Amino acid sequence: MDANLSDQIENSHFRRSRLLRQYDMCESEATSPRSAISVYKLTPRKHIYYVLSLYPDALRRVRAEHDQKFGGVSKAAEMLCSDPTLVNDLPYTLAVIMESLRLFPPIGGSYRSGRVGQPLCCVHLKADGRDWPTYPFACFINDYAIMHHEDVFKDHELFIPERYLTKGPSDPYFVSPNAWRAFEKGPRDCIGKAMALIQIKIIIILTLSSFDFREMYADDTPLVNGHKMYQTLHVTAKPSQGCL
C-alpha cells in the first residue's frame, strides 16, 4: 500500500464516505427478497422519520444524545469506524427505534402449531372456567394487537420512547420483558435482530443531524389510528403510499 493511499484511509472524510457506502449497500440489499432481515432495515427508518417529525421534543432529545456522544455528525462516521461498539451506548436512540417498531411493526405476528396438553390459559379466556385447546389448530400470535393494548402499553396510541427507560414495574409505563415483540419472541425470535438494530442506529445517527423530515401526504389522505402513514400489508407491513 503506497503512502498516499495510506494517508487517504486515515482521513476522516474517507472514513465517512466508506461508512456511507456501506449504508448504501445495506439499502440495496434491503430491496432484495433474498435478504432475510430487509424488512427491518428500510421500513423502520421511514416510520422513525415520520414519528420524529410529529414529536419535535423527541427529535431534539435524540439529536442531543448524538451530539453528546459524537460531537456532531461530521465526527460520528470516523468514531464509529474506529469503535463500532459506540452504537451500544445510545439508550434514547434505541428507545426511539423500539417505540417506532411498536407503533408500526413490520411483522404483525407469527404462527405456532397447537399441541396436545398446551391449552390457552389467558386470564380473559378463563373467565368461564375453561382452558381452550390449541391442538389441532394453527395459533396466530398477534404481536400488533399485543403492542397496541392499553393493558400492556399505557397510552398505547402515543409515541413515548421514555417507557423503555423506566426503572421498574412500579412505573405505570414500565414495559414487561415479554411485551415488546417487534422481532417476535421465543423460537420465532428474529436471528438478525442485533444486526438490524445496529444498522438502523447507524442510519439514524448519520441522517437525523443533517436533515429535517416532514410528511408530504395530501390533505385528504385518510387517517388510520390517527396517522396518514398507516400500514398496509404486502406480505410484510409497509407505509401507505410509500415513504415520506
Protein backbone atom coordinates (compact mmCIF):
# COMPACT_ATOMS: atom_id res chain seq x y z
CA MET A 1 0.00 0.00 0.00
CA ASP A 2 1.56 3.32 -1.05
CA ALA A 3 1.82 6.29 1.29
CA ASN A 4 -0.87 8.34 -0.47
CA LEU A 5 -3.47 5.61 -0.14
CA SER A 6 -2.49 5.03 3.49
CA ASP A 7 -2.99 8.71 4.22
CA GLN A 8 -6.35 8.61 2.50
CA ILE A 9 -7.55 5.73 4.64
CA GLU A 10 -6.67 7.68 7.75
CA ASN A 11 -8.53 10.73 6.52
CA SER A 12 -11.83 11.20 8.34
CA HIS A 13 -13.65 12.24 5.17
CA PHE A 14 -12.68 8.97 3.53
CA ARG A 15 -13.87 7.05 6.58
CA ARG A 16 -17.20 8.82 6.49
CA SER A 17 -17.54 8.08 2.76
CA ARG A 18 -16.78 4.43 3.43
CA LEU A 19 -19.47 4.20 6.08
CA LEU A 20 -21.97 5.91 3.80
CA ARG A 21 -21.12 3.43 1.03
CA GLN A 22 -21.79 0.61 3.49
CA TYR A 23 -25.13 2.25 4.27
CA ASP A 24 -25.94 2.41 0.54
CA MET A 25 -25.04 -1.26 0.25
CA CYS A 26 -27.45 -2.05 3.10
CA GLU A 27 -30.15 -0.07 1.28
CA SER A 28 -29.52 -2.06 -1.89
CA GLU A 29 -29.57 -5.38 -0.07
CA ALA A 30 -32.77 -4.41 1.71
CA THR A 31 -34.67 -4.23 -1.58
CA SER A 32 -33.80 -7.83 -2.39
CA PRO A 33 -36.30 -10.55 -1.42
CA ARG A 34 -33.30 -12.73 -0.58
CA SER A 35 -32.45 -10.53 2.39
CA ALA A 36 -33.92 -12.20 5.48
CA ILE A 37 -33.90 -9.03 7.54
CA SER A 38 -34.58 -6.50 4.78
CA VAL A 39 -37.94 -5.62 6.29
CA TYR A 40 -36.16 -4.38 9.43
CA LYS A 41 -33.71 -2.19 7.52
CA LEU A 42 -35.94 0.07 5.44
CA THR A 43 -39.42 0.11 6.93
CA PRO A 44 -38.44 1.18 10.48
CA ARG A 45 -36.35 4.06 9.13
CA LYS A 46 -39.36 5.51 7.34
CA HIS A 47 -41.53 5.35 10.42
CA ILE A 48 -38.80 6.75 12.67
CA TYR A 49 -38.51 9.82 10.47
CA TYR A 50 -42.28 10.10 10.40
CA VAL A 51 -42.93 9.92 14.14
CA LEU A 52 -40.00 12.21 14.96
CA SER A 53 -41.45 14.78 12.58
CA LEU A 54 -44.59 14.67 14.73
CA TYR A 55 -42.75 14.76 18.08
CA PRO A 56 -40.13 17.57 17.96
CA ASP A 57 -39.20 17.15 21.64
CA ALA A 58 -38.17 13.55 21.00
CA LEU A 59 -36.24 14.66 17.91
CA ARG A 60 -34.33 17.25 19.91
CA ARG A 61 -33.51 14.72 22.60
CA VAL A 62 -32.19 12.07 20.22
CA ARG A 63 -30.12 14.68 18.38
CA ALA A 64 -28.72 15.87 21.71
CA GLU A 65 -27.70 12.29 22.54
CA HIS A 66 -25.83 12.03 19.25
CA ASP A 67 -24.11 15.39 19.75
CA GLN A 68 -23.06 14.42 23.26
CA LYS A 69 -21.68 11.07 22.11
CA PHE A 70 -20.06 12.09 18.82
CA GLY A 71 -19.76 15.89 18.87
CA GLY A 72 -21.61 16.22 15.58
CA VAL A 73 -22.36 14.10 12.52
CA SER A 74 -19.06 15.05 10.86
CA LYS A 75 -17.20 13.11 13.57
CA ALA A 76 -19.71 10.32 14.00
CA ALA A 77 -18.65 8.23 11.00
CA GLU A 78 -14.97 8.35 11.93
CA MET A 79 -15.69 7.46 15.54
CA LEU A 80 -17.96 4.56 14.57
CA CYS A 81 -15.33 3.18 12.20
CA SER A 82 -12.76 3.38 14.98
CA ASP A 83 -15.03 1.97 17.68
CA PRO A 84 -18.26 0.35 16.41
CA THR A 85 -19.29 -0.51 19.98
CA LEU A 86 -20.29 3.14 20.46
CA VAL A 87 -23.68 2.27 18.98
CA ASN A 88 -24.37 0.23 22.11
CA ASP A 89 -24.32 3.32 24.32
CA LEU A 90 -27.27 5.23 22.86
CA PRO A 91 -30.19 4.40 25.16
CA TYR A 92 -32.59 7.06 23.92
CA THR A 93 -31.87 6.27 20.27
CA LEU A 94 -32.66 2.62 20.97
CA ALA A 95 -35.83 3.65 22.80
CA VAL A 96 -36.94 5.71 19.77
CA ILE A 97 -36.34 2.73 17.47
CA MET A 98 -38.23 0.36 19.78
CA GLU A 99 -41.20 2.69 20.15
CA SER A 100 -41.39 3.23 16.38
CA LEU A 101 -41.34 -0.53 15.85
CA ARG A 102 -44.05 -0.93 18.48
CA LEU A 103 -46.34 1.54 16.75
CA PHE A 104 -45.54 0.28 13.25
CA PRO A 105 -44.27 -3.33 13.45
CA PRO A 106 -43.17 -4.70 10.06
CA ILE A 107 -44.34 -8.17 11.07
CA GLY A 108 -47.79 -8.42 12.61
CA GLY A 109 -47.23 -11.72 14.36
CA SER A 110 -46.33 -15.36 13.90
CA TYR A 111 -47.92 -18.78 13.91
CA ARG A 112 -47.50 -21.64 16.34
CA SER A 113 -48.67 -25.20 15.86
CA GLY A 114 -51.04 -26.21 18.61
CA ARG A 115 -50.08 -29.18 20.74
CA VAL A 116 -51.89 -31.63 22.94
CA GLY A 117 -51.55 -30.61 26.57
CA GLN A 118 -50.76 -26.97 25.76
CA PRO A 119 -54.08 -25.12 26.07
CA LEU A 120 -54.56 -21.39 26.11
CA CYS A 121 -54.87 -20.24 29.68
CA CYS A 122 -55.15 -16.48 29.33
CA VAL A 123 -56.93 -14.84 32.27
CA HIS A 124 -59.54 -13.34 29.96
CA LEU A 125 -60.22 -16.68 28.26
CA LYS A 126 -60.59 -18.46 31.61
CA ALA A 127 -63.47 -16.24 32.63
CA ASP A 128 -65.86 -19.15 32.08
CA GLY A 129 -63.55 -21.58 33.91
CA ARG A 130 -62.34 -23.41 30.82
CA ASP A 131 -59.00 -23.90 29.13
CA TRP A 132 -59.02 -23.62 25.36
CA PRO A 133 -57.21 -26.39 23.43
CA THR A 134 -54.70 -25.41 20.79
CA TYR A 135 -54.45 -28.79 19.04
CA PRO A 136 -55.05 -29.36 16.12
CA PHE A 137 -55.13 -25.68 15.26
CA ALA A 138 -52.61 -23.14 13.99
CA CYS A 139 -52.46 -20.37 16.55
CA PHE A 140 -51.61 -16.85 15.42
CA ILE A 141 -49.72 -14.68 17.93
CA ASN A 142 -50.95 -11.18 17.11
CA ASP A 143 -47.99 -9.02 18.07
CA TYR A 144 -49.61 -5.88 16.68
CA ALA A 145 -52.59 -6.33 18.99
CA ILE A 146 -50.35 -7.04 21.99
CA MET A 147 -48.27 -3.90 21.42
CA HIS A 148 -51.40 -1.78 20.93
CA HIS A 149 -53.26 -2.98 24.01
CA GLU A 150 -53.81 -0.48 26.79
CA ASP A 151 -53.34 -3.12 29.48
CA VAL A 152 -49.86 -3.85 28.13
CA PHE A 153 -48.69 -0.41 26.98
CA LYS A 154 -50.13 2.59 28.80
CA ASP A 155 -51.25 5.30 26.36
CA HIS A 156 -50.54 2.83 23.60
CA GLU A 157 -51.57 5.21 20.82
CA LEU A 158 -48.87 7.74 21.79
CA PHE A 159 -45.18 7.79 20.86
CA ILE A 160 -43.41 7.57 24.24
CA PRO A 161 -39.79 6.35 23.94
CA GLU A 162 -39.26 7.03 27.64
CA ARG A 163 -41.34 3.95 28.50
CA TYR A 164 -38.27 1.79 27.70
CA LEU A 165 -36.12 3.77 30.14
CA THR A 166 -38.31 3.19 33.18
CA LYS A 167 -36.72 1.63 36.27
CA GLY A 168 -39.23 -0.97 37.34
CA PRO A 169 -42.82 -2.28 37.47
CA SER A 170 -43.90 0.46 39.85
CA ASP A 171 -43.77 2.89 36.92
CA PRO A 172 -47.10 2.83 35.01
CA TYR A 173 -45.16 2.98 31.72
CA PHE A 174 -42.91 0.04 32.57
CA VAL A 175 -42.61 -2.43 29.68
CA SER A 176 -42.83 -6.09 30.62
CA PRO A 177 -39.92 -8.19 29.24
CA ASN A 178 -42.28 -10.17 27.00
CA ALA A 179 -44.47 -7.28 25.88
CA TRP A 180 -42.29 -5.75 23.15
CA ARG A 181 -42.43 -8.23 20.28
CA ALA A 182 -41.34 -6.31 17.17
CA PHE A 183 -38.87 -9.12 16.42
CA GLU A 184 -41.14 -11.74 17.99
CA LYS A 185 -40.15 -13.93 20.91
CA GLY A 186 -39.02 -17.42 21.76
CA PRO A 187 -38.49 -19.89 18.89
CA ARG A 188 -39.66 -17.26 16.37
CA ASP A 189 -37.31 -14.55 17.59
CA CYS A 190 -35.53 -12.97 14.62
CA ILE A 191 -31.92 -14.16 14.40
CA GLY A 192 -31.00 -10.91 12.62
CA LYS A 193 -32.32 -8.65 15.38
CA ALA A 194 -28.94 -7.46 16.65
CA MET A 195 -27.66 -6.74 13.14
CA ALA A 196 -30.85 -4.91 12.17
CA LEU A 197 -30.75 -2.67 15.26
CA ILE A 198 -27.10 -1.78 14.64
CA GLN A 199 -27.82 -0.85 11.04
CA ILE A 200 -30.84 1.24 11.98
CA LYS A 201 -28.84 3.09 14.64
CA ILE A 202 -26.06 3.95 12.18
CA ILE A 203 -28.56 5.20 9.61
CA ILE A 204 -30.30 7.35 12.22
CA ILE A 205 -27.00 8.78 13.51
CA LEU A 206 -25.86 9.78 10.01
CA THR A 207 -29.14 11.32 8.90
CA LEU A 208 -31.05 12.89 11.80
CA SER A 209 -28.48 15.61 12.45
CA SER A 210 -28.28 16.58 8.78
CA PHE A 211 -31.89 16.53 7.63
CA ASP A 212 -35.35 17.58 8.74
CA PHE A 213 -38.31 15.45 7.71
CA ARG A 214 -41.98 16.14 7.22
CA GLU A 215 -44.90 14.22 5.79
CA MET A 216 -45.98 15.01 2.24
CA TYR A 217 -49.33 13.30 2.17
CA ALA A 218 -52.27 15.08 0.57
CA ASP A 219 -54.65 16.91 2.89
CA ASP A 220 -57.45 14.47 2.14
CA THR A 221 -55.36 11.37 2.91
CA PRO A 222 -57.42 9.16 5.24
CA LEU A 223 -56.31 8.62 8.81
CA VAL A 224 -55.96 5.19 10.41
CA ASN A 225 -55.40 5.25 14.17
CA GLY A 226 -54.64 8.94 13.78
CA HIS A 227 -51.88 8.51 11.19
CA LYS A 228 -51.69 9.17 7.46
CA MET A 229 -48.70 6.85 7.28
CA TYR A 230 -50.78 3.87 8.32
CA GLN A 231 -49.57 0.42 7.39
CA THR A 232 -50.80 -1.74 4.54
CA LEU A 233 -49.99 -5.41 4.24
CA HIS A 234 -47.87 -6.58 1.30
CA VAL A 235 -46.52 -9.82 2.77
CA THR A 236 -45.00 -7.50 5.39
CA ALA A 237 -46.45 -4.22 6.63
CA LYS A 238 -45.33 -1.09 4.77
CA PRO A 239 -46.29 2.62 4.92
CA SER A 240 -49.38 3.63 2.99
CA GLN A 241 -48.43 5.35 -0.30
CA GLY A 242 -44.76 4.58 0.29
CA CYS A 243 -42.20 6.68 2.13
CA LEU A 244 -42.18 10.37 3.10
